[in-house]
């Protein structure tokens, strides 16, 4: 089965637990804009992430707050930071790299840095329609000057909206712009 999927390119960002948020910020976060996934948004809060080797300022905090802390970076970011961040599904922090997270209020060391695995968000209805299960590996083919095929996994949630998420390294490798289309092959 083949079907089109819109590809969103995700830059480095951070997700925080309420406990960590309260250590880093004095005031509540405000929504700047909604993201494609229901309930997810870009907040008005930013942090600096750093190691002894490099730092990235103005890293966006995405909301809402979660039950865990996660810093999503690209492989190129990890090289600059001199860390060996593992490729993981969101929420899987096994062997996550240690990274410092700083605001005007606090400077914390978190075991939270990962490179997010490519994934395709789906609702349960989408999963039934396409005959896939949560965590299933699929392929997405992209055209253009650097056409190719990418592996991705299916991420099913009640509020999932049918989009593929990749990081900036993948986008650069395949010359993909945000909201380009790919072909999902199941």
N, C-alpha and C. Protein backbone atom coordinates (compact mmCIF):
# COMPACT_ATOMS: atom_id res chain seq x y z
N UNK A 1 0.85 -1.19 0.00
CA UNK A 1 0.00 0.00 0.00
C UNK A 1 0.89 1.24 0.00
N UNK A 2 0.51 2.24 -0.80
CA UNK A 2 1.23 3.51 -0.86
C UNK A 2 0.24 4.65 -0.63
N UNK A 3 0.69 5.66 0.08
CA UNK A 3 -0.11 6.86 0.30
C UNK A 3 0.82 8.04 0.56
N UNK A 4 0.39 9.23 0.27
CA UNK A 4 1.20 10.42 0.50
C UNK A 4 1.18 10.79 1.98
N UNK A 5 2.28 11.39 2.45
CA UNK A 5 2.37 11.90 3.81
C UNK A 5 3.13 13.22 3.77
N UNK A 6 2.65 14.20 4.53
CA UNK A 6 3.34 15.48 4.64
C UNK A 6 4.46 15.33 5.66
N UNK A 7 5.63 15.89 5.32
CA UNK A 7 6.81 15.78 6.17
C UNK A 7 7.07 17.11 6.87
N UNK A 8 7.17 17.04 8.19
CA UNK A 8 7.53 18.23 8.97
C UNK A 8 8.97 18.07 9.45
N UNK A 9 9.72 19.16 9.34
CA UNK A 9 11.12 19.16 9.75
C UNK A 9 11.22 19.79 11.13
N UNK A 10 11.81 19.05 12.04
CA UNK A 10 11.90 19.48 13.43
C UNK A 10 13.32 19.91 13.78
N UNK A 11 13.45 21.14 14.25
CA UNK A 11 14.73 21.65 14.72
C UNK A 11 14.92 21.22 16.18
N UNK A 12 16.10 21.45 16.72
CA UNK A 12 16.35 21.10 18.13
C UNK A 12 15.32 21.77 19.02
N UNK A 13 14.90 21.07 20.07
CA UNK A 13 13.91 21.61 21.01
C UNK A 13 13.97 20.81 22.30
N UNK A 14 13.20 21.26 23.29
CA UNK A 14 13.21 20.61 24.59
C UNK A 14 11.78 20.40 25.08
N UNK A 15 11.60 19.28 25.80
CA UNK A 15 10.37 18.99 26.52
C UNK A 15 10.76 18.89 28.00
N UNK A 16 9.93 19.43 28.88
CA UNK A 16 10.26 19.42 30.30
C UNK A 16 9.13 18.86 31.15
N UNK A 17 9.52 18.29 32.28
CA UNK A 17 8.56 17.91 33.30
C UNK A 17 8.19 19.16 34.11
N UNK A 18 7.11 19.09 34.85
CA UNK A 18 6.70 20.23 35.67
C UNK A 18 7.76 20.57 36.71
N UNK A 19 8.34 19.54 37.31
CA UNK A 19 9.37 19.75 38.34
C UNK A 19 10.57 20.51 37.76
N UNK A 20 11.06 20.08 36.61
CA UNK A 20 12.21 20.74 36.00
C UNK A 20 11.84 22.14 35.52
N UNK A 21 10.65 22.27 34.95
CA UNK A 21 10.19 23.58 34.49
C UNK A 21 10.24 24.59 35.64
N UNK A 22 9.73 24.19 36.79
CA UNK A 22 9.70 25.10 37.94
C UNK A 22 11.08 25.47 38.45
N UNK A 23 12.06 24.61 38.22
CA UNK A 23 13.44 24.93 38.58
C UNK A 23 14.04 25.95 37.62
N UNK A 24 13.60 25.91 36.35
CA UNK A 24 14.19 26.75 35.32
C UNK A 24 13.48 28.08 35.08
N UNK A 25 12.20 28.15 35.42
CA UNK A 25 11.41 29.34 35.10
C UNK A 25 10.59 29.82 36.28
N UNK A 26 10.40 31.14 36.35
CA UNK A 26 9.60 31.78 37.41
C UNK A 26 8.13 31.92 37.03
N UNK A 27 7.86 32.08 35.72
CA UNK A 27 6.50 32.39 35.27
C UNK A 27 5.96 31.26 34.39
N UNK A 28 4.63 31.18 34.29
CA UNK A 28 4.02 30.15 33.44
C UNK A 28 4.39 30.34 31.97
N UNK A 29 4.39 29.25 31.22
CA UNK A 29 4.65 29.37 29.79
C UNK A 29 3.37 29.76 29.07
N UNK A 30 3.55 30.46 27.97
CA UNK A 30 2.44 30.87 27.12
C UNK A 30 2.62 30.27 25.74
N UNK A 31 1.50 29.97 25.11
CA UNK A 31 1.53 29.40 23.77
C UNK A 31 1.80 30.49 22.74
N UNK A 32 2.78 30.23 21.86
CA UNK A 32 3.05 31.12 20.74
C UNK A 32 2.30 30.64 19.50
N UNK A 33 2.39 29.32 19.25
CA UNK A 33 1.65 28.77 18.11
C UNK A 33 1.43 27.28 18.32
N UNK A 34 0.33 26.81 17.75
CA UNK A 34 0.01 25.39 17.80
C UNK A 34 0.90 24.64 16.82
N UNK A 35 1.18 23.38 17.14
CA UNK A 35 1.87 22.48 16.24
C UNK A 35 0.83 21.55 15.60
N UNK A 36 1.24 20.75 14.65
CA UNK A 36 0.29 19.89 13.93
C UNK A 36 -0.34 18.84 14.82
N UNK A 37 0.38 18.38 15.84
CA UNK A 37 -0.16 17.37 16.72
C UNK A 37 -1.06 18.02 17.76
N UNK A 38 -2.26 17.47 17.91
CA UNK A 38 -3.28 18.07 18.79
C UNK A 38 -2.72 18.30 20.20
N UNK A 39 -2.91 19.51 20.70
CA UNK A 39 -2.49 19.85 22.05
C UNK A 39 -1.04 20.27 22.18
N UNK A 40 -0.22 20.05 21.16
CA UNK A 40 1.19 20.42 21.21
C UNK A 40 1.37 21.84 20.71
N UNK A 41 2.32 22.56 21.33
CA UNK A 41 2.53 23.96 20.93
C UNK A 41 3.95 24.41 21.21
N UNK A 42 4.34 25.47 20.52
CA UNK A 42 5.60 26.16 20.79
C UNK A 42 5.30 27.18 21.86
N UNK A 43 6.09 27.17 22.92
CA UNK A 43 5.88 28.11 24.02
C UNK A 43 6.75 29.35 23.84
N UNK A 44 6.54 30.30 24.71
CA UNK A 44 7.35 31.53 24.70
C UNK A 44 8.67 31.37 25.46
N UNK A 45 8.92 30.19 25.99
CA UNK A 45 10.13 29.96 26.79
C UNK A 45 11.23 29.32 25.95
N UNK A 46 12.46 29.76 26.22
CA UNK A 46 13.64 29.16 25.58
C UNK A 46 14.69 28.88 26.64
N UNK A 47 15.61 27.99 26.28
CA UNK A 47 16.73 27.64 27.15
C UNK A 47 18.00 27.66 26.34
N UNK A 48 19.12 27.63 27.02
CA UNK A 48 20.41 27.37 26.39
C UNK A 48 20.80 25.95 26.76
N UNK A 49 21.17 25.16 25.75
CA UNK A 49 21.70 23.82 26.03
C UNK A 49 23.19 23.86 25.72
N UNK A 50 23.98 23.18 26.56
CA UNK A 50 25.43 23.27 26.35
C UNK A 50 26.19 22.12 26.99
N UNK A 51 27.41 21.98 26.52
CA UNK A 51 28.42 21.12 27.13
C UNK A 51 29.68 21.98 27.26
N UNK A 52 30.77 21.37 27.67
CA UNK A 52 32.03 22.10 27.74
C UNK A 52 32.52 22.53 26.36
N UNK A 53 31.99 21.90 25.31
CA UNK A 53 32.47 22.13 23.95
C UNK A 53 31.70 23.18 23.16
N UNK A 54 30.39 23.30 23.41
CA UNK A 54 29.56 24.14 22.54
C UNK A 54 28.25 24.45 23.25
N UNK A 55 27.55 25.48 22.76
CA UNK A 55 26.24 25.79 23.29
C UNK A 55 25.29 26.23 22.18
N UNK A 56 24.03 25.94 22.37
CA UNK A 56 22.97 26.42 21.50
C UNK A 56 22.04 27.27 22.36
N UNK A 57 21.87 28.53 21.98
CA UNK A 57 20.98 29.44 22.69
C UNK A 57 19.60 29.42 22.05
N UNK A 58 18.62 29.90 22.79
CA UNK A 58 17.24 30.07 22.30
C UNK A 58 16.62 28.79 21.78
N UNK A 59 16.85 27.69 22.48
CA UNK A 59 16.23 26.41 22.14
C UNK A 59 14.79 26.44 22.66
N UNK A 60 13.85 26.22 21.76
CA UNK A 60 12.42 26.34 22.09
C UNK A 60 11.95 25.23 23.02
N UNK A 61 11.14 25.64 23.99
CA UNK A 61 10.44 24.70 24.85
C UNK A 61 9.07 24.42 24.23
N UNK A 62 8.78 23.15 24.00
CA UNK A 62 7.48 22.77 23.48
C UNK A 62 6.57 22.35 24.63
N UNK A 63 5.31 22.67 24.49
CA UNK A 63 4.33 22.31 25.50
C UNK A 63 3.33 21.33 24.94
N UNK A 64 2.54 20.74 25.81
CA UNK A 64 2.50 20.96 27.25
C UNK A 64 3.64 20.24 27.97
N UNK A 65 3.70 20.44 29.28
CA UNK A 65 4.71 19.76 30.09
C UNK A 65 4.46 18.26 30.04
N UNK A 66 5.52 17.50 30.20
CA UNK A 66 5.46 16.04 30.15
C UNK A 66 5.86 15.45 31.50
N UNK A 67 5.92 14.14 31.56
CA UNK A 67 6.33 13.47 32.80
C UNK A 67 7.84 13.25 32.82
N UNK A 68 8.54 13.68 31.78
CA UNK A 68 9.98 13.49 31.68
C UNK A 68 10.61 14.68 30.95
N UNK A 69 11.93 14.77 31.07
CA UNK A 69 12.70 15.81 30.37
C UNK A 69 13.36 15.18 29.15
N UNK A 70 13.31 15.88 28.03
CA UNK A 70 13.92 15.36 26.80
C UNK A 70 14.42 16.51 25.95
N UNK A 71 15.68 16.42 25.55
CA UNK A 71 16.28 17.40 24.66
C UNK A 71 16.50 16.70 23.32
N UNK A 72 15.80 17.16 22.29
CA UNK A 72 15.91 16.54 20.97
C UNK A 72 16.85 17.37 20.10
N UNK A 73 17.91 16.71 19.65
CA UNK A 73 18.93 17.37 18.84
C UNK A 73 19.19 16.52 17.59
N UNK A 74 19.90 17.08 16.65
CA UNK A 74 20.32 16.33 15.46
C UNK A 74 21.70 15.72 15.71
N UNK A 75 22.11 14.84 14.80
CA UNK A 75 23.45 14.26 14.91
C UNK A 75 24.52 15.36 14.77
N UNK A 76 24.30 16.31 13.87
CA UNK A 76 25.25 17.41 13.72
C UNK A 76 25.34 18.24 15.00
N UNK A 77 24.21 18.45 15.67
CA UNK A 77 24.23 19.14 16.97
C UNK A 77 25.08 18.34 17.96
N UNK A 78 24.87 17.03 17.99
CA UNK A 78 25.61 16.17 18.93
C UNK A 78 27.11 16.25 18.66
N UNK A 79 27.49 16.30 17.39
CA UNK A 79 28.92 16.43 17.06
C UNK A 79 29.49 17.73 17.60
N UNK A 80 28.75 18.83 17.43
CA UNK A 80 29.22 20.13 17.95
C UNK A 80 29.32 20.12 19.47
N UNK A 81 28.36 19.44 20.11
CA UNK A 81 28.34 19.38 21.57
C UNK A 81 29.32 18.34 22.14
N UNK A 82 29.89 17.51 21.25
CA UNK A 82 30.80 16.43 21.65
C UNK A 82 30.12 15.44 22.59
N UNK A 83 28.90 15.06 22.22
CA UNK A 83 28.20 14.01 22.97
C UNK A 83 27.76 12.92 22.01
N UNK A 84 27.53 11.75 22.57
CA UNK A 84 27.12 10.59 21.78
C UNK A 84 25.64 10.31 22.06
N UNK A 85 24.80 11.20 21.57
CA UNK A 85 23.36 11.06 21.81
C UNK A 85 22.82 9.89 20.99
N UNK A 86 22.03 9.01 21.63
CA UNK A 86 21.49 7.87 20.90
C UNK A 86 20.26 8.26 20.07
N UNK A 87 20.00 7.49 19.02
CA UNK A 87 18.78 7.64 18.24
C UNK A 87 17.70 6.86 18.99
N UNK A 88 16.64 7.54 19.37
CA UNK A 88 15.58 6.93 20.17
C UNK A 88 14.22 7.45 19.76
N UNK A 89 13.21 6.66 20.05
CA UNK A 89 11.83 7.12 19.94
C UNK A 89 11.61 8.13 21.06
N UNK A 90 10.76 9.09 20.82
CA UNK A 90 10.45 10.08 21.84
C UNK A 90 9.97 9.38 23.12
N UNK A 91 10.54 9.80 24.24
CA UNK A 91 10.19 9.20 25.52
C UNK A 91 11.10 8.07 25.94
N UNK A 92 11.89 7.52 25.03
CA UNK A 92 12.85 6.46 25.34
C UNK A 92 14.19 7.12 25.64
N UNK A 93 14.49 7.27 26.90
CA UNK A 93 15.70 7.97 27.31
C UNK A 93 16.83 7.03 27.72
N UNK A 94 16.71 5.75 27.32
CA UNK A 94 17.77 4.78 27.63
C UNK A 94 19.07 5.28 27.01
N UNK A 95 20.10 5.36 27.82
CA UNK A 95 21.43 5.81 27.38
C UNK A 95 21.45 7.25 26.87
N UNK A 96 20.44 8.06 27.21
CA UNK A 96 20.44 9.47 26.80
C UNK A 96 21.72 10.14 27.30
N UNK A 97 22.19 11.09 26.52
CA UNK A 97 23.41 11.81 26.89
C UNK A 97 23.11 12.90 27.92
N UNK A 98 24.12 13.19 28.69
CA UNK A 98 24.02 14.27 29.67
C UNK A 98 24.25 15.59 28.96
N UNK A 99 23.41 16.56 29.30
CA UNK A 99 23.50 17.89 28.70
C UNK A 99 23.11 18.91 29.77
N UNK A 100 23.67 20.10 29.68
CA UNK A 100 23.32 21.17 30.61
C UNK A 100 22.22 22.02 29.98
N UNK A 101 21.28 22.42 30.81
CA UNK A 101 20.16 23.27 30.38
C UNK A 101 20.15 24.48 31.29
N UNK A 102 20.20 25.68 30.68
CA UNK A 102 20.39 26.90 31.46
C UNK A 102 19.34 27.95 31.09
N UNK A 103 18.85 28.64 32.12
CA UNK A 103 18.03 29.84 31.96
C UNK A 103 18.61 30.90 32.89
N UNK A 104 17.97 32.06 32.95
CA UNK A 104 18.42 33.09 33.89
C UNK A 104 18.25 32.63 35.33
N UNK A 105 17.33 31.71 35.58
CA UNK A 105 17.03 31.26 36.94
C UNK A 105 17.92 30.11 37.42
N UNK A 106 18.28 29.19 36.52
CA UNK A 106 18.98 27.98 36.97
C UNK A 106 19.82 27.38 35.85
N UNK A 107 20.71 26.50 36.26
CA UNK A 107 21.58 25.75 35.35
C UNK A 107 21.55 24.30 35.83
N UNK A 108 20.94 23.42 35.02
CA UNK A 108 20.75 22.03 35.42
C UNK A 108 21.50 21.09 34.50
N UNK A 109 21.90 19.96 35.06
CA UNK A 109 22.48 18.88 34.27
C UNK A 109 21.42 17.79 34.15
N UNK A 110 21.05 17.46 32.90
CA UNK A 110 20.00 16.47 32.66
C UNK A 110 20.53 15.34 31.79
N UNK A 111 20.12 14.13 32.10
CA UNK A 111 20.42 12.97 31.24
C UNK A 111 19.24 12.84 30.30
N UNK A 112 19.24 13.64 29.24
CA UNK A 112 18.02 13.81 28.45
C UNK A 112 18.23 14.01 26.96
N UNK A 113 19.46 14.04 26.46
CA UNK A 113 19.70 14.37 25.05
C UNK A 113 19.59 13.12 24.18
N UNK A 114 18.71 13.20 23.18
CA UNK A 114 18.56 12.12 22.20
C UNK A 114 18.46 12.72 20.79
N UNK A 115 18.66 11.87 19.81
CA UNK A 115 18.36 12.18 18.42
C UNK A 115 17.05 11.44 18.14
N UNK A 116 16.00 12.17 17.84
CA UNK A 116 14.70 11.55 17.67
C UNK A 116 14.65 10.70 16.41
N UNK A 117 14.14 9.49 16.58
CA UNK A 117 13.92 8.59 15.45
C UNK A 117 12.86 9.17 14.53
N UNK A 118 13.02 9.00 13.23
CA UNK A 118 11.97 9.42 12.30
C UNK A 118 10.69 8.68 12.64
N UNK A 119 9.57 9.39 12.59
CA UNK A 119 8.31 8.74 12.94
C UNK A 119 7.15 9.37 12.18
N UNK A 120 6.07 8.61 12.11
CA UNK A 120 4.86 9.07 11.46
C UNK A 120 3.74 9.00 12.49
N UNK A 121 3.20 10.17 12.82
CA UNK A 121 2.08 10.24 13.76
C UNK A 121 0.81 9.75 13.06
N UNK A 122 0.03 9.00 13.81
CA UNK A 122 -1.27 8.54 13.31
C UNK A 122 -2.25 8.43 14.46
N UNK A 123 -3.52 8.61 14.13
CA UNK A 123 -4.59 8.32 15.07
C UNK A 123 -4.90 6.83 14.97
N UNK A 124 -5.64 6.27 15.93
CA UNK A 124 -6.06 4.87 15.79
C UNK A 124 -6.83 4.61 14.49
N UNK A 125 -7.64 5.57 14.07
CA UNK A 125 -8.38 5.42 12.80
C UNK A 125 -7.43 5.37 11.61
N UNK A 126 -6.39 6.23 11.61
CA UNK A 126 -5.39 6.19 10.55
C UNK A 126 -4.71 4.82 10.52
N UNK A 127 -4.36 4.31 11.71
CA UNK A 127 -3.66 3.02 11.80
C UNK A 127 -4.53 1.90 11.22
N UNK A 128 -5.82 1.93 11.52
CA UNK A 128 -6.74 0.93 10.95
C UNK A 128 -6.80 1.08 9.43
N UNK A 129 -6.90 2.31 8.97
CA UNK A 129 -6.99 2.60 7.53
C UNK A 129 -5.77 2.06 6.78
N UNK A 130 -4.58 2.23 7.37
CA UNK A 130 -3.35 1.83 6.71
C UNK A 130 -2.86 0.44 7.12
N UNK A 131 -3.55 -0.18 8.08
CA UNK A 131 -3.19 -1.54 8.50
C UNK A 131 -1.86 -1.65 9.19
N UNK A 132 -1.56 -0.68 10.08
CA UNK A 132 -0.29 -0.68 10.80
C UNK A 132 -0.54 -0.71 12.31
N UNK A 133 0.50 -1.04 13.04
CA UNK A 133 0.43 -1.05 14.50
C UNK A 133 1.49 -0.12 15.06
N UNK A 134 1.30 0.29 16.29
CA UNK A 134 2.24 1.20 16.96
C UNK A 134 3.64 0.59 16.97
N UNK A 135 4.62 1.37 16.58
CA UNK A 135 6.01 0.93 16.57
C UNK A 135 6.43 0.22 15.31
N UNK A 136 5.49 -0.03 14.40
CA UNK A 136 5.82 -0.73 13.16
C UNK A 136 6.77 0.10 12.30
N UNK A 137 7.74 -0.57 11.71
CA UNK A 137 8.69 0.10 10.82
C UNK A 137 8.08 0.17 9.41
N UNK A 138 8.15 1.36 8.81
CA UNK A 138 7.64 1.58 7.46
C UNK A 138 8.72 2.34 6.68
N UNK A 139 8.46 2.55 5.40
CA UNK A 139 9.38 3.30 4.56
C UNK A 139 8.67 4.51 3.97
N UNK A 140 9.43 5.57 3.77
CA UNK A 140 8.91 6.76 3.10
C UNK A 140 9.89 7.10 1.99
N UNK A 141 9.36 7.25 0.78
CA UNK A 141 10.16 7.59 -0.39
C UNK A 141 9.95 9.07 -0.68
N UNK A 142 11.07 9.75 -0.95
CA UNK A 142 11.00 11.17 -1.31
C UNK A 142 11.64 11.35 -2.68
N UNK A 143 11.12 12.31 -3.43
CA UNK A 143 11.65 12.60 -4.76
C UNK A 143 12.60 13.78 -4.71
N UNK A 144 12.83 14.37 -5.85
CA UNK A 144 13.68 15.55 -5.91
C UNK A 144 15.10 15.21 -6.32
N UNK A 145 15.97 16.21 -6.20
CA UNK A 145 17.36 16.06 -6.63
C UNK A 145 18.13 15.01 -5.84
N UNK A 146 17.77 14.81 -4.60
CA UNK A 146 18.43 13.79 -3.78
C UNK A 146 17.37 12.81 -3.28
N UNK A 147 16.66 12.22 -4.21
CA UNK A 147 15.58 11.29 -3.87
C UNK A 147 16.13 10.09 -3.12
N UNK A 148 15.26 9.44 -2.38
CA UNK A 148 15.69 8.27 -1.62
C UNK A 148 14.58 7.74 -0.76
N UNK A 149 14.97 6.84 0.12
CA UNK A 149 14.02 6.12 0.97
C UNK A 149 14.49 6.22 2.41
N UNK A 150 13.56 6.49 3.30
CA UNK A 150 13.86 6.58 4.73
C UNK A 150 13.03 5.57 5.50
N UNK A 151 13.64 4.96 6.51
CA UNK A 151 12.88 4.15 7.46
C UNK A 151 12.25 5.10 8.47
N UNK A 152 11.09 4.73 8.97
CA UNK A 152 10.42 5.48 10.03
C UNK A 152 9.59 4.49 10.82
N UNK A 153 9.19 4.88 12.01
CA UNK A 153 8.29 4.03 12.77
C UNK A 153 6.95 4.74 12.95
N UNK A 154 5.92 3.94 13.15
CA UNK A 154 4.56 4.45 13.32
C UNK A 154 4.34 4.77 14.78
N UNK A 155 3.80 5.95 15.04
CA UNK A 155 3.53 6.41 16.41
C UNK A 155 2.04 6.72 16.50
N UNK A 156 1.30 5.82 17.13
CA UNK A 156 -0.16 5.94 17.21
C UNK A 156 -0.55 6.53 18.56
N UNK A 157 -1.40 7.55 18.51
CA UNK A 157 -1.96 8.12 19.74
C UNK A 157 -3.35 8.65 19.44
N UNK A 158 -4.17 8.76 20.47
CA UNK A 158 -5.54 9.22 20.29
C UNK A 158 -5.61 10.59 19.64
N UNK A 159 -4.61 11.42 19.91
CA UNK A 159 -4.62 12.76 19.34
C UNK A 159 -3.61 12.91 18.20
N UNK A 160 -3.13 11.79 17.66
CA UNK A 160 -2.16 11.82 16.57
C UNK A 160 -2.77 12.35 15.28
N UNK A 161 -2.03 13.19 14.59
CA UNK A 161 -2.43 13.75 13.30
C UNK A 161 -1.41 13.28 12.28
N UNK A 162 -1.87 12.80 11.16
CA UNK A 162 -1.06 12.12 10.15
C UNK A 162 -0.01 13.04 9.51
N UNK A 163 1.19 13.01 10.09
CA UNK A 163 2.36 13.74 9.59
C UNK A 163 3.60 12.91 9.90
N UNK A 164 4.61 13.05 9.05
CA UNK A 164 5.91 12.45 9.34
C UNK A 164 6.81 13.52 9.94
N UNK A 165 7.60 13.14 10.95
CA UNK A 165 8.55 14.06 11.56
C UNK A 165 9.97 13.56 11.34
N UNK A 166 10.80 14.46 10.82
CA UNK A 166 12.23 14.19 10.64
C UNK A 166 13.01 15.36 11.23
N UNK A 167 14.32 15.15 11.43
CA UNK A 167 15.12 16.27 11.94
C UNK A 167 15.82 16.99 10.80
N UNK A 168 16.54 18.02 11.15
CA UNK A 168 17.18 18.87 10.14
C UNK A 168 18.27 18.13 9.36
N UNK A 169 18.93 17.17 9.99
CA UNK A 169 19.94 16.39 9.26
C UNK A 169 19.30 15.60 8.13
N UNK A 170 18.16 14.94 8.43
CA UNK A 170 17.45 14.19 7.39
C UNK A 170 16.99 15.13 6.28
N UNK A 171 16.45 16.27 6.66
CA UNK A 171 15.96 17.24 5.68
C UNK A 171 17.10 17.70 4.77
N UNK A 172 18.24 17.97 5.35
CA UNK A 172 19.39 18.41 4.55
C UNK A 172 19.90 17.28 3.64
N UNK A 173 19.92 16.06 4.15
CA UNK A 173 20.44 14.94 3.36
C UNK A 173 19.59 14.68 2.12
N UNK A 174 18.28 14.85 2.24
CA UNK A 174 17.37 14.57 1.13
C UNK A 174 16.86 15.85 0.43
N UNK A 175 17.37 17.00 0.85
CA UNK A 175 16.90 18.30 0.36
C UNK A 175 15.37 18.38 0.46
N UNK A 176 14.90 18.22 1.68
CA UNK A 176 13.47 18.28 1.98
C UNK A 176 13.18 19.59 2.69
N UNK A 177 12.14 20.26 2.26
CA UNK A 177 11.65 21.46 2.94
C UNK A 177 10.48 21.08 3.83
N UNK A 178 10.28 21.88 4.88
CA UNK A 178 9.13 21.65 5.75
C UNK A 178 7.86 21.63 4.91
N UNK A 179 7.02 20.66 5.15
CA UNK A 179 5.72 20.43 4.51
C UNK A 179 5.83 19.87 3.09
N UNK A 180 7.01 19.37 2.69
CA UNK A 180 7.11 18.60 1.45
C UNK A 180 6.37 17.28 1.65
N UNK A 181 6.11 16.60 0.54
CA UNK A 181 5.42 15.31 0.61
C UNK A 181 6.37 14.15 0.34
N UNK A 182 6.06 13.04 0.99
CA UNK A 182 6.72 11.79 0.71
C UNK A 182 5.66 10.75 0.44
N UNK A 183 6.10 9.57 0.04
CA UNK A 183 5.18 8.46 -0.20
C UNK A 183 5.42 7.40 0.85
N UNK A 184 4.42 7.14 1.67
CA UNK A 184 4.49 6.09 2.69
C UNK A 184 4.27 4.75 2.02
N UNK A 185 5.20 3.82 2.27
CA UNK A 185 5.09 2.47 1.72
C UNK A 185 4.97 1.50 2.89
N UNK A 186 3.88 0.75 2.89
CA UNK A 186 3.63 -0.20 3.98
C UNK A 186 3.75 -1.61 3.42
